[in-house]
Amino acid sequence: TFSLLTNSLLSRSCATATPTTSTGGSKKVADRIVKLYAIDLDGNKREVVGLSGQTLLKALANKGLIDPNSHRLEEIDACSAECEVHIAQEWLQKLPPPTYDEQYVLRRNQRNRLLNKHARLGCQVVLTPELQGMVVAIPEPKPWDIP
């Protein structure tokens, strides 16, 4: 169903005016697609399709890999790092460094254990064309995060 929806969107975007991106330029939806790969909890590599300008969290939630209800809050100060992902080594340098607030949330979530250098918050990683093919892993939930 997703491929049908994508094909429908792609053909529709070619026949109508192209949407304006947040950067102010006009682009077709096809030009904004960023494909990446997520390693799920079972170790399976799953293709994820997002749009440039969208957060990694949104793309993973749309694929069903992160519960969209796990991230109800807009403010990073109230974030509980339920959208934590691990970025493959070769992609780390293609991302902007984490902000102080993101590092603080990740450290707080580790509960005084060593912070994984690959850990990032999906809500803070914005997809760009340069991230095409990026590989991320969905970590196992912490015992205190399981209902």
C-alpha atoms as a PDB file:
ATOM      1  CA  THR A   1       0.000   0.000   0.000  1.00  0.00           C
ATOM      2  CA  PHE A   2       2.851   2.387   0.709  1.00  0.00           C
ATOM      3  CA  SER A   3       4.280   1.948  -2.793  1.00  0.00           C
ATOM      4  CA  LEU A   4       0.836   2.634  -4.276  1.00  0.00           C
ATOM      5  CA  LEU A   5       0.556   5.774  -2.181  1.00  0.00           C
ATOM      6  CA  THR A   6       4.077   6.851  -3.138  1.00  0.00           C
ATOM      7  CA  ASN A   7       3.400   6.233  -6.843  1.00  0.00           C
ATOM      8  CA  SER A   8       0.147   8.158  -6.565  1.00  0.00           C
ATOM      9  CA  LEU A   9       1.883  11.051  -4.842  1.00  0.00           C
ATOM     10  CA  LEU A  10       4.739  11.032  -7.312  1.00  0.00           C
ATOM     11  CA  SER A  11       2.494  11.020 -10.382  1.00  0.00           C
ATOM     12  CA  ARG A  12       0.233  13.648  -8.848  1.00  0.00           C
ATOM     13  CA  SER A  13       3.185  15.886  -7.984  1.00  0.00           C
ATOM     14  CA  CYS A  14       4.379  15.728 -11.598  1.00  0.00           C
ATOM     15  CA  ALA A  15       0.959  16.762 -12.910  1.00  0.00           C
ATOM     16  CA  THR A  16       0.325  19.616 -10.475  1.00  0.00           C
ATOM     17  CA  ALA A  17       2.251  22.479  -8.993  1.00  0.00           C
ATOM     18  CA  THR A  18       5.213  21.315  -6.963  1.00  0.00           C
ATOM     19  CA  PRO A  19       5.111  21.870  -3.205  1.00  0.00           C
ATOM     20  CA  THR A  20       7.291  24.502  -1.640  1.00  0.00           C
ATOM     21  CA  THR A  21       9.830  23.221   0.840  1.00  0.00           C
ATOM     22  CA  SER A  22      10.718  24.924   4.096  1.00  0.00           C
ATOM     23  CA  THR A  23      13.890  26.208   2.434  1.00  0.00           C
ATOM     24  CA  GLY A  24      11.792  28.293   0.069  1.00  0.00           C
ATOM     25  CA  GLY A  25      12.567  26.399  -3.166  1.00  0.00           C
ATOM     26  CA  SER A  26      10.110  24.377  -5.211  1.00  0.00           C
ATOM     27  CA  LYS A  27      10.728  20.651  -5.323  1.00  0.00           C
ATOM     28  CA  LYS A  28       8.798  17.620  -6.419  1.00  0.00           C
ATOM     29  CA  VAL A  29       7.991  15.082  -3.733  1.00  0.00           C
ATOM     30  CA  ALA A  30      10.269  12.630  -5.560  1.00  0.00           C
ATOM     31  CA  ASP A  31      13.168  15.050  -5.099  1.00  0.00           C
ATOM     32  CA  ARG A  32      12.519  15.227  -1.349  1.00  0.00           C
ATOM     33  CA  ILE A  33      12.463  11.454  -0.703  1.00  0.00           C
ATOM     34  CA  VAL A  34      15.210  10.188   1.589  1.00  0.00           C
ATOM     35  CA  LYS A  35      15.535   6.393   1.831  1.00  0.00           C
ATOM     36  CA  LEU A  36      17.329   4.997   4.824  1.00  0.00           C
ATOM     37  CA  TYR A  37      17.582   1.677   6.615  1.00  0.00           C
ATOM     38  CA  ALA A  38      16.631   0.771  10.157  1.00  0.00           C
ATOM     39  CA  ILE A  39      17.715  -2.341  12.003  1.00  0.00           C
ATOM     40  CA  ASP A  40      14.676  -3.396  14.031  1.00  0.00           C
ATOM     41  CA  LEU A  41      14.641  -5.189  17.383  1.00  0.00           C
ATOM     42  CA  ASP A  42      14.738  -8.579  15.626  1.00  0.00           C
ATOM     43  CA  GLY A  43      17.871  -7.618  13.675  1.00  0.00           C
ATOM     44  CA  ASN A  44      16.047  -7.186  10.370  1.00  0.00           C
ATOM     45  CA  LYS A  45      17.137  -4.410   8.002  1.00  0.00           C
ATOM     46  CA  ARG A  46      14.031  -2.440   6.997  1.00  0.00           C
ATOM     47  CA  GLU A  47      13.811   0.266   4.351  1.00  0.00           C
ATOM     48  CA  VAL A  48      12.372   3.527   5.658  1.00  0.00           C
ATOM     49  CA  VAL A  49      11.215   6.345   3.413  1.00  0.00           C
ATOM     50  CA  GLY A  50      11.090   9.891   4.716  1.00  0.00           C
ATOM     51  CA  LEU A  51      11.125  13.378   3.285  1.00  0.00           C
ATOM     52  CA  SER A  52      13.896  15.923   3.425  1.00  0.00           C
ATOM     53  CA  GLY A  53      13.069  18.318   6.277  1.00  0.00           C
ATOM     54  CA  GLN A  54      11.181  15.625   8.221  1.00  0.00           C
ATOM     55  CA  THR A  55      12.576  14.261  11.477  1.00  0.00           C
ATOM     56  CA  LEU A  56      13.964  10.755  11.680  1.00  0.00           C
ATOM     57  CA  LEU A  57      11.372  10.108  14.410  1.00  0.00           C
ATOM     58  CA  LYS A  58       8.518  10.892  11.999  1.00  0.00           C
ATOM     59  CA  ALA A  59       9.934   8.598   9.294  1.00  0.00           C
ATOM     60  CA  LEU A  60      10.453   5.727  11.777  1.00  0.00           C
ATOM     61  CA  ALA A  61       6.994   6.239  13.304  1.00  0.00           C
ATOM     62  CA  ASN A  62       5.391   6.202   9.839  1.00  0.00           C
ATOM     63  CA  LYS A  63       7.078   2.823   9.235  1.00  0.00           C
ATOM     64  CA  GLY A  64       5.847   1.514  12.618  1.00  0.00           C
ATOM     65  CA  LEU A  65       9.346   1.144  14.090  1.00  0.00           C
ATOM     66  CA  ILE A  66       8.829   3.691  16.874  1.00  0.00           C
ATOM     67  CA  ASP A  67       5.497   4.192  18.604  1.00  0.00           C
ATOM     68  CA  PRO A  68       4.319   7.696  17.619  1.00  0.00           C
ATOM     69  CA  ASN A  69       2.583   7.988  20.991  1.00  0.00           C
ATOM     70  CA  SER A  70       5.904   7.517  22.782  1.00  0.00           C
ATOM     71  CA  HIS A  71       6.879  11.060  21.867  1.00  0.00           C
ATOM     72  CA  ARG A  72       3.971  13.226  22.891  1.00  0.00           C
ATOM     73  CA  LEU A  73       5.884  16.293  23.952  1.00  0.00           C
ATOM     74  CA  GLU A  74       7.194  19.044  21.691  1.00  0.00           C
ATOM     75  CA  GLU A  75       9.733  20.488  24.130  1.00  0.00           C
ATOM     76  CA  ILE A  76      13.086  18.712  24.337  1.00  0.00           C
ATOM     77  CA  ASP A  77      13.290  19.682  28.033  1.00  0.00           C
ATOM     78  CA  ALA A  78      10.438  17.255  28.740  1.00  0.00           C
ATOM     79  CA  CYS A  79      11.770  14.544  26.402  1.00  0.00           C
ATOM     80  CA  SER A  80      12.376  11.126  27.964  1.00  0.00           C
ATOM     81  CA  ALA A  81      14.539   9.819  25.070  1.00  0.00           C
ATOM     82  CA  GLU A  82      11.976   7.225  23.998  1.00  0.00           C
ATOM     83  CA  CYS A  83      12.913   8.102  20.402  1.00  0.00           C
ATOM     84  CA  GLU A  84      16.586   7.200  20.914  1.00  0.00           C
ATOM     85  CA  VAL A  85      18.245   5.598  17.895  1.00  0.00           C
ATOM     86  CA  HIS A  86      21.799   4.485  17.188  1.00  0.00           C
ATOM     87  CA  ILE A  87      23.439   5.894  14.062  1.00  0.00           C
ATOM     88  CA  ALA A  88      25.939   3.734  12.142  1.00  0.00           C
ATOM     89  CA  GLN A  89      29.532   4.973  12.489  1.00  0.00           C
ATOM     90  CA  GLU A  90      29.965   6.034   8.862  1.00  0.00           C
ATOM     91  CA  TRP A  91      26.952   8.362   9.096  1.00  0.00           C
ATOM     92  CA  LEU A  92      27.813  10.152  12.332  1.00  0.00           C
ATOM     93  CA  GLN A  93      29.997  12.793  10.664  1.00  0.00           C
ATOM     94  CA  LYS A  94      27.210  13.594   8.164  1.00  0.00           C
ATOM     95  CA  LEU A  95      24.949  14.742  10.993  1.00  0.00           C
ATOM     96  CA  PRO A  96      25.276  18.038  12.808  1.00  0.00           C
ATOM     97  CA  PRO A  97      26.611  17.462  16.323  1.00  0.00           C
ATOM     98  CA  PRO A  98      23.988  16.956  19.021  1.00  0.00           C
ATOM     99  CA  THR A  99      22.961  20.096  20.858  1.00  0.00           C
ATOM    100  CA  TYR A 100      23.660  20.520  24.549  1.00  0.00           C
ATOM    101  CA  ASP A 101      19.975  19.798  25.260  1.00  0.00           C
ATOM    102  CA  GLU A 102      20.028  16.580  23.219  1.00  0.00           C
ATOM    103  CA  GLN A 103      23.183  15.392  24.998  1.00  0.00           C
ATOM    104  CA  TYR A 104      21.623  16.230  28.357  1.00  0.00           C
ATOM    105  CA  VAL A 105      18.475  14.202  27.584  1.00  0.00           C
ATOM    106  CA  LEU A 106      20.523  11.229  26.356  1.00  0.00           C
ATOM    107  CA  ARG A 107      22.795  11.316  29.442  1.00  0.00           C
ATOM    108  CA  ARG A 108      19.814  11.583  31.775  1.00  0.00           C
ATOM    109  CA  ASN A 109      18.223   8.568  30.077  1.00  0.00           C
ATOM    110  CA  GLN A 110      21.393   6.466  30.493  1.00  0.00           C
ATOM    111  CA  ARG A 111      21.062   6.759  34.272  1.00  0.00           C
ATOM    112  CA  ASN A 112      24.774   7.311  34.918  1.00  0.00           C
ATOM    113  CA  ARG A 113      25.962   4.616  32.527  1.00  0.00           C
ATOM    114  CA  LEU A 114      28.411   5.386  29.734  1.00  0.00           C
ATOM    115  CA  LEU A 115      26.701   7.218  26.858  1.00  0.00           C
ATOM    116  CA  ASN A 116      26.732   5.328  23.558  1.00  0.00           C
ATOM    117  CA  LYS A 117      28.524   7.583  21.034  1.00  0.00           C
ATOM    118  CA  HIS A 118      26.080   6.429  18.338  1.00  0.00           C
ATOM    119  CA  ALA A 119      23.011   7.507  20.336  1.00  0.00           C
ATOM    120  CA  ARG A 120      20.874  10.335  18.971  1.00  0.00           C
ATOM    121  CA  LEU A 121      17.293  11.420  19.505  1.00  0.00           C
ATOM    122  CA  GLY A 122      15.154  10.709  16.448  1.00  0.00           C
ATOM    123  CA  CYS A 123      13.186  13.886  17.139  1.00  0.00           C
ATOM    124  CA  GLN A 124      16.369  15.952  16.744  1.00  0.00           C
ATOM    125  CA  VAL A 125      17.749  14.388  13.536  1.00  0.00           C
ATOM    126  CA  VAL A 126      16.364  16.173  10.468  1.00  0.00           C
ATOM    127  CA  LEU A 127      16.511  14.239   7.210  1.00  0.00           C
ATOM    128  CA  THR A 128      18.501  15.758   4.342  1.00  0.00           C
ATOM    129  CA  PRO A 129      19.456  14.436   0.888  1.00  0.00           C
ATOM    130  CA  GLU A 130      22.972  13.785   2.248  1.00  0.00           C
ATOM    131  CA  LEU A 131      21.498  11.135   4.569  1.00  0.00           C
ATOM    132  CA  GLN A 132      20.271   8.980   1.651  1.00  0.00           C
ATOM    133  CA  GLY A 133      21.090   5.353   2.592  1.00  0.00           C
ATOM    134  CA  MET A 134      21.830   6.089   6.268  1.00  0.00           C
ATOM    135  CA  VAL A 135      21.653   3.095   8.614  1.00  0.00           C
ATOM    136  CA  VAL A 136      20.184   3.408  12.108  1.00  0.00           C
ATOM    137  CA  ALA A 137      19.382   0.840  14.774  1.00  0.00           C
ATOM    138  CA  ILE A 138      16.384   0.855  17.071  1.00  0.00           C
ATOM    139  CA  PRO A 139      17.716  -0.018  20.546  1.00  0.00           C
ATOM    140  CA  GLU A 140      15.877  -2.324  22.908  1.00  0.00           C
ATOM    141  CA  PRO A 141      13.642  -0.475  25.350  1.00  0.00           C
ATOM    142  CA  LYS A 142      15.154   0.104  28.762  1.00  0.00           C
ATOM    143  CA  PRO A 143      13.511  -1.958  31.549  1.00  0.00           C
ATOM    144  CA  TRP A 144      12.119   1.240  33.061  1.00  0.00           C
ATOM    145  CA  ASP A 145      10.524   2.200  29.695  1.00  0.00           C
ATOM    146  CA  ILE A 146       8.494  -1.009  29.355  1.00  0.00           C
ATOM    147  CA  PRO A 147       4.906  -0.618  30.605  1.00  0.00           C
END
